[in-house]
Amino acid sequence: MGYLRGFAVTAKKIFEGVTTKQYEGGKGGKTDQKAPKPERLHGRHVLNKYEDGMEKCIGCELCAGVCPANCIYVRGAENPPSDPKSPGERFGYVYEINYLRCIHCDMCVEACPTEAITETKLFEFSFSNRSDAIYTKDELLVDDDGRPQQLPWEDWRDGEDQHTSGWMRATAPSGKASAQGTVAWSGELGYGVRAPEAAQNVRTPIDAAIEAVAVDTAKAEEKG
């Protein structure tokens, strides 16, 4: 009977419609538009710069250390006094991401203390050889206008380079209501400082737990 139930699921799916959309001269010449992407979609990474053109990466290697897929390789170097690359003492001399391993978990973005590594909304890119899948610093670093490098095998669309600083600390959806309207990230070359995002939850589970403990403590004190 188990086999029959399995075949029943298969037969049912055969007659359901598909969700895949054809676009840009796809099968049958269809040119449907892509489905809208969430603002915080985890796509291809970029290495950001400050508004003055300085690189944000300080070569601390925290992103490489926290990566569960072991796909990031970073080596820091001392900033040359005559031509500093970043505001700190060190900068990212070598920075590589192996996209054959990357699972786009965003942990590297969370770990970065300077918001140097963030993710765009680009997720459609393919490679004809393994070397192209290993992005170097020159390919990840934004250009002089703050825009991501658009490589030949990447299918960029309007808006996919925006809101790359999608990781928001104080104003995350689970953050406190008191963080509403707080700017918690630095300006980016070509984009400026992102407008603050409104907090979505008035009371978090942690807030509720703290309040419950406070109430219990007050009741205990009243009883003597």
C-alpha atoms as a PDB file:
ATOM      1  CA  MET A   1       0.000   0.000   0.000  1.00  0.00           C
ATOM      2  CA  GLY A   2       2.898   2.313   0.662  1.00  0.00           C
ATOM      3  CA  TYR A   3       3.994   2.084  -2.959  1.00  0.00           C
ATOM      4  CA  LEU A   4       0.471   2.858  -4.160  1.00  0.00           C
ATOM      5  CA  ARG A   5       0.283   5.978  -1.995  1.00  0.00           C
ATOM      6  CA  GLY A   6       3.603   7.093  -3.415  1.00  0.00           C
ATOM      7  CA  PHE A   7       2.407   6.640  -6.991  1.00  0.00           C
ATOM      8  CA  ALA A   8      -0.781   8.527  -6.120  1.00  0.00           C
ATOM      9  CA  VAL A   9       1.287  11.564  -5.110  1.00  0.00           C
ATOM     10  CA  THR A  10       3.274  11.298  -8.349  1.00  0.00           C
ATOM     11  CA  ALA A  11       0.101  11.050 -10.464  1.00  0.00           C
ATOM     12  CA  LYS A  12      -1.387  14.063  -8.708  1.00  0.00           C
ATOM     13  CA  LYS A  13       1.691  16.212  -9.330  1.00  0.00           C
ATOM     14  CA  ILE A  14       1.748  15.349 -13.038  1.00  0.00           C
ATOM     15  CA  PHE A  15      -1.448  17.315 -13.601  1.00  0.00           C
ATOM     16  CA  GLU A  16      -0.517  20.327 -11.463  1.00  0.00           C
ATOM     17  CA  GLY A  17       0.743  23.513 -13.059  1.00  0.00           C
ATOM     18  CA  VAL A  18       4.408  24.496 -12.918  1.00  0.00           C
ATOM     19  CA  THR A  19       5.719  27.501 -11.036  1.00  0.00           C
ATOM     20  CA  THR A  20       8.826  27.998 -13.193  1.00  0.00           C
ATOM     21  CA  LYS A  21       8.600  31.076 -15.421  1.00  0.00           C
ATOM     22  CA  GLN A  22      10.229  31.411 -18.826  1.00  0.00           C
ATOM     23  CA  TYR A  23      11.900  34.719 -19.656  1.00  0.00           C
ATOM     24  CA  GLU A  24      14.423  36.341 -21.997  1.00  0.00           C
ATOM     25  CA  GLY A  25      13.770  34.175 -25.007  1.00  0.00           C
ATOM     26  CA  GLY A  26      13.074  31.027 -23.039  1.00  0.00           C
ATOM     27  CA  LYS A  27      11.199  28.007 -24.309  1.00  0.00           C
ATOM     28  CA  GLY A  28       8.577  29.082 -26.829  1.00  0.00           C
ATOM     29  CA  GLY A  29      10.049  32.577 -27.023  1.00  0.00           C
ATOM     30  CA  LYS A  30       8.319  33.714 -23.826  1.00  0.00           C
ATOM     31  CA  THR A  31       9.617  36.827 -22.117  1.00  0.00           C
ATOM     32  CA  ASP A  32       7.774  36.801 -18.791  1.00  0.00           C
ATOM     33  CA  GLN A  33       9.229  38.934 -16.033  1.00  0.00           C
ATOM     34  CA  LYS A  34      10.951  37.425 -13.024  1.00  0.00           C
ATOM     35  CA  ALA A  35       8.971  37.065  -9.822  1.00  0.00           C
ATOM     36  CA  PRO A  36       9.631  39.852  -7.289  1.00  0.00           C
ATOM     37  CA  LYS A  37      12.525  39.144  -4.927  1.00  0.00           C
ATOM     38  CA  PRO A  38      12.480  39.714  -1.171  1.00  0.00           C
ATOM     39  CA  GLU A  39      14.540  42.685  -0.027  1.00  0.00           C
ATOM     40  CA  ARG A  40      16.774  40.441   2.095  1.00  0.00           C
ATOM     41  CA  LEU A  41      17.309  37.681  -0.444  1.00  0.00           C
ATOM     42  CA  HIS A  42      20.687  35.983   0.028  1.00  0.00           C
ATOM     43  CA  GLY A  43      22.496  36.107  -3.311  1.00  0.00           C
ATOM     44  CA  ARG A  44      25.985  36.747  -4.623  1.00  0.00           C
ATOM     45  CA  HIS A  45      28.259  38.603  -2.187  1.00  0.00           C
ATOM     46  CA  VAL A  46      29.915  41.983  -2.580  1.00  0.00           C
ATOM     47  CA  LEU A  47      32.774  43.652  -0.715  1.00  0.00           C
ATOM     48  CA  ASN A  48      31.684  47.180   0.137  1.00  0.00           C
ATOM     49  CA  LYS A  49      33.446  50.517   0.405  1.00  0.00           C
ATOM     50  CA  TYR A  50      32.827  53.525   2.613  1.00  0.00           C
ATOM     51  CA  GLU A  51      31.461  56.698   1.080  1.00  0.00           C
ATOM     52  CA  ASP A  52      35.010  58.083   0.864  1.00  0.00           C
ATOM     53  CA  GLY A  53      36.123  55.090  -1.249  1.00  0.00           C
ATOM     54  CA  MET A  54      37.987  53.233   1.515  1.00  0.00           C
ATOM     55  CA  GLU A  55      37.496  49.476   1.666  1.00  0.00           C
ATOM     56  CA  LYS A  56      35.422  48.265   4.609  1.00  0.00           C
ATOM     57  CA  CYS A  57      37.229  44.922   4.903  1.00  0.00           C
ATOM     58  CA  ILE A  58      39.949  44.936   7.581  1.00  0.00           C
ATOM     59  CA  GLY A  59      41.168  41.386   6.963  1.00  0.00           C
ATOM     60  CA  CYS A  60      40.046  40.083  10.365  1.00  0.00           C
ATOM     61  CA  GLU A  61      39.068  36.689   8.859  1.00  0.00           C
ATOM     62  CA  LEU A  62      35.977  36.364  11.073  1.00  0.00           C
ATOM     63  CA  CYS A  63      33.820  35.606   8.028  1.00  0.00           C
ATOM     64  CA  ALA A  64      36.104  32.732   7.044  1.00  0.00           C
ATOM     65  CA  GLY A  65      36.142  31.403  10.590  1.00  0.00           C
ATOM     66  CA  VAL A  66      32.362  31.336  10.964  1.00  0.00           C
ATOM     67  CA  CYS A  67      31.565  29.929   7.490  1.00  0.00           C
ATOM     68  CA  PRO A  68      29.986  26.450   7.912  1.00  0.00           C
ATOM     69  CA  ALA A  69      30.772  25.505   4.310  1.00  0.00           C
ATOM     70  CA  ASN A  70      34.431  26.540   4.528  1.00  0.00           C
ATOM     71  CA  CYS A  71      34.069  28.453   1.270  1.00  0.00           C
ATOM     72  CA  ILE A  72      35.766  31.741   2.257  1.00  0.00           C
ATOM     73  CA  TYR A  73      39.516  32.327   2.219  1.00  0.00           C
ATOM     74  CA  VAL A  74      40.856  35.602   3.628  1.00  0.00           C
ATOM     75  CA  ARG A  75      44.333  36.878   4.329  1.00  0.00           C
ATOM     76  CA  GLY A  76      44.877  40.270   5.901  1.00  0.00           C
ATOM     77  CA  ALA A  77      47.901  42.525   5.484  1.00  0.00           C
ATOM     78  CA  GLU A  78      49.207  45.698   7.088  1.00  0.00           C
ATOM     79  CA  ASN A  79      47.974  48.875   5.465  1.00  0.00           C
ATOM     80  CA  PRO A  80      50.743  50.643   3.529  1.00  0.00           C
ATOM     81  CA  PRO A  81      51.158  54.103   5.133  1.00  0.00           C
ATOM     82  CA  SER A  82      51.559  55.774   1.761  1.00  0.00           C
ATOM     83  CA  ASP A  83      48.437  54.181   0.238  1.00  0.00           C
ATOM     84  CA  PRO A  84      46.067  52.785   2.893  1.00  0.00           C
ATOM     85  CA  LYS A  85      43.264  50.586   1.569  1.00  0.00           C
ATOM     86  CA  SER A  86      41.052  50.702   4.667  1.00  0.00           C
ATOM     87  CA  PRO A  87      40.715  53.005   7.694  1.00  0.00           C
ATOM     88  CA  GLY A  88      42.153  50.372  10.045  1.00  0.00           C
ATOM     89  CA  GLU A  89      45.636  49.010  10.539  1.00  0.00           C
ATOM     90  CA  ARG A  90      44.954  46.063   8.215  1.00  0.00           C
ATOM     91  CA  PHE A  91      43.001  45.365   5.050  1.00  0.00           C
ATOM     92  CA  GLY A  92      41.846  42.308   3.155  1.00  0.00           C
ATOM     93  CA  TYR A  93      44.835  41.491   0.957  1.00  0.00           C
ATOM     94  CA  VAL A  94      43.318  38.225  -0.304  1.00  0.00           C
ATOM     95  CA  TYR A  95      39.593  37.522  -0.351  1.00  0.00           C
ATOM     96  CA  GLU A  96      38.058  34.547  -2.156  1.00  0.00           C
ATOM     97  CA  ILE A  97      34.648  32.841  -2.086  1.00  0.00           C
ATOM     98  CA  ASN A  98      34.124  29.402  -3.603  1.00  0.00           C
ATOM     99  CA  TYR A  99      30.545  29.351  -4.902  1.00  0.00           C
ATOM    100  CA  LEU A 100      30.680  25.620  -5.477  1.00  0.00           C
ATOM    101  CA  ARG A 101      30.534  25.381  -1.673  1.00  0.00           C
ATOM    102  CA  CYS A 102      28.632  28.492  -0.579  1.00  0.00           C
ATOM    103  CA  ILE A 103      25.167  27.819   0.865  1.00  0.00           C
ATOM    104  CA  HIS A 104      24.210  31.525   1.213  1.00  0.00           C
ATOM    105  CA  CYS A 105      23.514  31.191   4.929  1.00  0.00           C
ATOM    106  CA  ASP A 106      24.540  34.827   5.543  1.00  0.00           C
ATOM    107  CA  MET A 107      26.623  33.931   8.595  1.00  0.00           C
ATOM    108  CA  CYS A 108      29.624  35.744   7.115  1.00  0.00           C
ATOM    109  CA  VAL A 109      27.521  38.912   6.924  1.00  0.00           C
ATOM    110  CA  GLU A 110      26.471  38.549  10.554  1.00  0.00           C
ATOM    111  CA  ALA A 111      30.055  38.016  11.703  1.00  0.00           C
ATOM    112  CA  CYS A 112      31.592  40.968   9.854  1.00  0.00           C
ATOM    113  CA  PRO A 113      32.306  43.840  12.302  1.00  0.00           C
ATOM    114  CA  THR A 114      32.522  46.497   9.570  1.00  0.00           C
ATOM    115  CA  GLU A 115      29.678  45.414   7.234  1.00  0.00           C
ATOM    116  CA  ALA A 116      32.268  44.804   4.534  1.00  0.00           C
ATOM    117  CA  ILE A 117      30.728  41.596   3.171  1.00  0.00           C
ATOM    118  CA  THR A 118      27.031  41.652   2.262  1.00  0.00           C
ATOM    119  CA  GLU A 119      24.853  39.797  -0.227  1.00  0.00           C
ATOM    120  CA  THR A 120      23.057  41.155  -3.285  1.00  0.00           C
ATOM    121  CA  LYS A 121      19.812  39.744  -4.679  1.00  0.00           C
ATOM    122  CA  LEU A 122      21.609  38.191  -7.654  1.00  0.00           C
ATOM    123  CA  PHE A 123      21.343  34.414  -7.546  1.00  0.00           C
ATOM    124  CA  GLU A 124      21.379  33.470 -11.232  1.00  0.00           C
ATOM    125  CA  PHE A 125      24.926  32.854 -12.311  1.00  0.00           C
ATOM    126  CA  SER A 126      26.582  29.778 -13.770  1.00  0.00           C
ATOM    127  CA  PHE A 127      30.091  28.748 -14.660  1.00  0.00           C
ATOM    128  CA  SER A 128      31.688  26.838 -17.499  1.00  0.00           C
ATOM    129  CA  ASN A 129      34.761  25.954 -15.431  1.00  0.00           C
ATOM    130  CA  ARG A 130      35.659  25.589 -11.775  1.00  0.00           C
ATOM    131  CA  SER A 131      38.011  28.570 -11.670  1.00  0.00           C
ATOM    132  CA  ASP A 132      35.173  30.982 -12.529  1.00  0.00           C
ATOM    133  CA  ALA A 133      33.261  29.713  -9.482  1.00  0.00           C
ATOM    134  CA  ILE A 134      35.994  31.004  -7.155  1.00  0.00           C
ATOM    135  CA  TYR A 135      35.428  34.746  -6.943  1.00  0.00           C
ATOM    136  CA  THR A 136      38.494  36.825  -6.139  1.00  0.00           C
ATOM    137  CA  LYS A 137      38.663  40.144  -4.314  1.00  0.00           C
ATOM    138  CA  ASP A 138      38.833  42.026  -7.622  1.00  0.00           C
ATOM    139  CA  GLU A 139      35.540  40.419  -8.655  1.00  0.00           C
ATOM    140  CA  LEU A 140      33.806  40.864  -5.297  1.00  0.00           C
ATOM    141  CA  LEU A 141      34.897  44.447  -4.585  1.00  0.00           C
ATOM    142  CA  VAL A 142      32.476  47.142  -5.748  1.00  0.00           C
ATOM    143  CA  ASP A 143      33.719  49.591  -8.365  1.00  0.00           C
ATOM    144  CA  ASP A 144      34.504  53.288  -7.916  1.00  0.00           C
ATOM    145  CA  ASP A 145      30.777  54.090  -8.067  1.00  0.00           C
ATOM    146  CA  GLY A 146      29.922  51.533  -5.406  1.00  0.00           C
ATOM    147  CA  ARG A 147      28.303  49.147  -7.903  1.00  0.00           C
ATOM    148  CA  PRO A 148      28.985  45.395  -7.934  1.00  0.00           C
ATOM    149  CA  GLN A 149      31.191  44.033 -10.678  1.00  0.00           C
ATOM    150  CA  GLN A 150      28.879  42.482 -13.284  1.00  0.00           C
ATOM    151  CA  LEU A 151      30.671  39.461 -14.681  1.00  0.00           C
ATOM    152  CA  PRO A 152      29.824  37.910 -18.085  1.00  0.00           C
ATOM    153  CA  TRP A 153      28.148  34.805 -16.624  1.00  0.00           C
ATOM    154  CA  GLU A 154      25.843  36.768 -14.282  1.00  0.00           C
ATOM    155  CA  ASP A 155      22.263  37.719 -15.157  1.00  0.00           C
ATOM    156  CA  TRP A 156      21.813  41.082 -13.430  1.00  0.00           C
ATOM    157  CA  ARG A 157      18.437  42.840 -13.380  1.00  0.00           C
ATOM    158  CA  ASP A 158      17.354  46.250 -12.118  1.00  0.00           C
ATOM    159  CA  GLY A 159      17.398  46.554  -8.351  1.00  0.00           C
ATOM    160  CA  GLU A 160      19.423  43.435  -7.630  1.00  0.00           C
ATOM    161  CA  ASP A 161      22.347  45.533  -6.410  1.00  0.00           C
ATOM    162  CA  GLN A 162      20.234  47.565  -3.991  1.00  0.00           C
ATOM    163  CA  HIS A 163      19.804  46.994  -0.269  1.00  0.00           C
ATOM    164  CA  THR A 164      22.910  44.827  -0.095  1.00  0.00           C
ATOM    165  CA  SER A 165      23.311  45.774   3.559  1.00  0.00           C
ATOM    166  CA  GLY A 166      20.313  43.597   4.282  1.00  0.00           C
ATOM    167  CA  TRP A 167      21.636  42.450   7.651  1.00  0.00           C
ATOM    168  CA  MET A 168      20.230  44.920  10.158  1.00  0.00           C
ATOM    169  CA  ARG A 169      21.167  44.581  13.785  1.00  0.00           C
ATOM    170  CA  ALA A 170      19.142  46.902  15.981  1.00  0.00           C
ATOM    171  CA  THR A 171      16.231  47.131  13.574  1.00  0.00           C
ATOM    172  CA  ALA A 172      15.847  43.448  12.716  1.00  0.00           C
ATOM    173  CA  PRO A 173      12.252  42.109  12.710  1.00  0.00           C
ATOM    174  CA  SER A 174      12.751  40.495  16.113  1.00  0.00           C
ATOM    175  CA  GLY A 175      14.340  43.610  17.587  1.00  0.00           C
ATOM    176  CA  LYS A 176      12.847  45.790  20.292  1.00  0.00           C
ATOM    177  CA  ALA A 177      10.325  48.471  19.413  1.00  0.00           C
ATOM    178  CA  SER A 178      12.682  51.036  20.918  1.00  0.00           C
ATOM    179  CA  ALA A 179      15.019  50.417  17.966  1.00  0.00           C
ATOM    180  CA  GLN A 180      12.457  51.745  15.510  1.00  0.00           C
ATOM    181  CA  GLY A 181      13.892  54.523  13.365  1.00  0.00           C
ATOM    182  CA  THR A 182      17.470  53.852  14.446  1.00  0.00           C
ATOM    183  CA  VAL A 183      20.202  53.898  11.807  1.00  0.00           C
ATOM    184  CA  ALA A 184      22.438  50.946  12.664  1.00  0.00           C
ATOM    185  CA  TRP A 185      24.757  50.651   9.694  1.00  0.00           C
ATOM    186  CA  SER A 186      27.342  52.776   7.903  1.00  0.00           C
ATOM    187  CA  GLY A 187      27.128  54.609   4.603  1.00  0.00           C
ATOM    188  CA  GLU A 188      28.080  52.884   1.341  1.00  0.00           C
ATOM    189  CA  LEU A 189      29.821  54.323  -1.680  1.00  0.00           C
ATOM    190  CA  GLY A 190      27.193  55.154  -4.305  1.00  0.00           C
ATOM    191  CA  TYR A 191      24.232  54.428  -2.025  1.00  0.00           C
ATOM    192  CA  GLY A 192      24.686  56.620   1.036  1.00  0.00           C
ATOM    193  CA  VAL A 193      23.195  55.661   4.386  1.00  0.00           C
ATOM    194  CA  ARG A 194      20.175  53.419   4.226  1.00  0.00           C
ATOM    195  CA  ALA A 195      17.007  54.767   5.754  1.00  0.00           C
ATOM    196  CA  PRO A 196      16.125  53.132   9.076  1.00  0.00           C
ATOM    197  CA  GLU A 197      13.671  50.257   8.989  1.00  0.00           C
ATOM    198  CA  ALA A 198      10.672  50.184  11.277  1.00  0.00           C
ATOM    199  CA  ALA A 199      10.666  47.479  13.935  1.00  0.00           C
ATOM    200  CA  GLN A 200       8.050  44.850  13.196  1.00  0.00           C
ATOM    201  CA  ASN A 201       7.471  43.344  16.642  1.00  0.00           C
ATOM    202  CA  VAL A 202       6.437  45.504  19.575  1.00  0.00           C
ATOM    203  CA  ARG A 203       7.275  42.848  22.162  1.00  0.00           C
ATOM    204  CA  THR A 204       9.760  40.053  21.580  1.00  0.00           C
ATOM    205  CA  PRO A 205       9.667  36.695  23.415  1.00  0.00           C
ATOM    206  CA  ILE A 206      12.649  37.850  25.461  1.00  0.00           C
ATOM    207  CA  ASP A 207      10.806  41.023  26.484  1.00  0.00           C
ATOM    208  CA  ALA A 208       7.791  38.941  27.520  1.00  0.00           C
ATOM    209  CA  ALA A 209       9.978  36.585  29.576  1.00  0.00           C
ATOM    210  CA  ILE A 210      11.714  39.482  31.345  1.00  0.00           C
ATOM    211  CA  GLU A 211       8.371  41.099  32.131  1.00  0.00           C
ATOM    212  CA  ALA A 212       7.017  37.799  33.498  1.00  0.00           C
ATOM    213  CA  VAL A 213      10.021  37.429  35.806  1.00  0.00           C
ATOM    214  CA  ALA A 214       9.602  41.019  36.986  1.00  0.00           C
ATOM    215  CA  VAL A 215       5.919  40.421  37.768  1.00  0.00           C
ATOM    216  CA  ASP A 216       6.677  37.223  39.674  1.00  0.00           C
ATOM    217  CA  THR A 217       9.402  38.999  41.638  1.00  0.00           C
ATOM    218  CA  ALA A 218       7.062  41.853  42.528  1.00  0.00           C
ATOM    219  CA  LYS A 219       4.379  39.437  43.702  1.00  0.00           C
ATOM    220  CA  ALA A 220       6.892  37.558  45.840  1.00  0.00           C
ATOM    221  CA  GLU A 221       8.048  40.816  47.440  1.00  0.00           C
ATOM    222  CA  GLU A 222       4.450  41.802  48.232  1.00  0.00           C
ATOM    223  CA  LYS A 223       3.861  38.521  50.023  1.00  0.00           C
ATOM    224  CA  GLY A 224       6.892  39.289  52.153  1.00  0.00           C
END
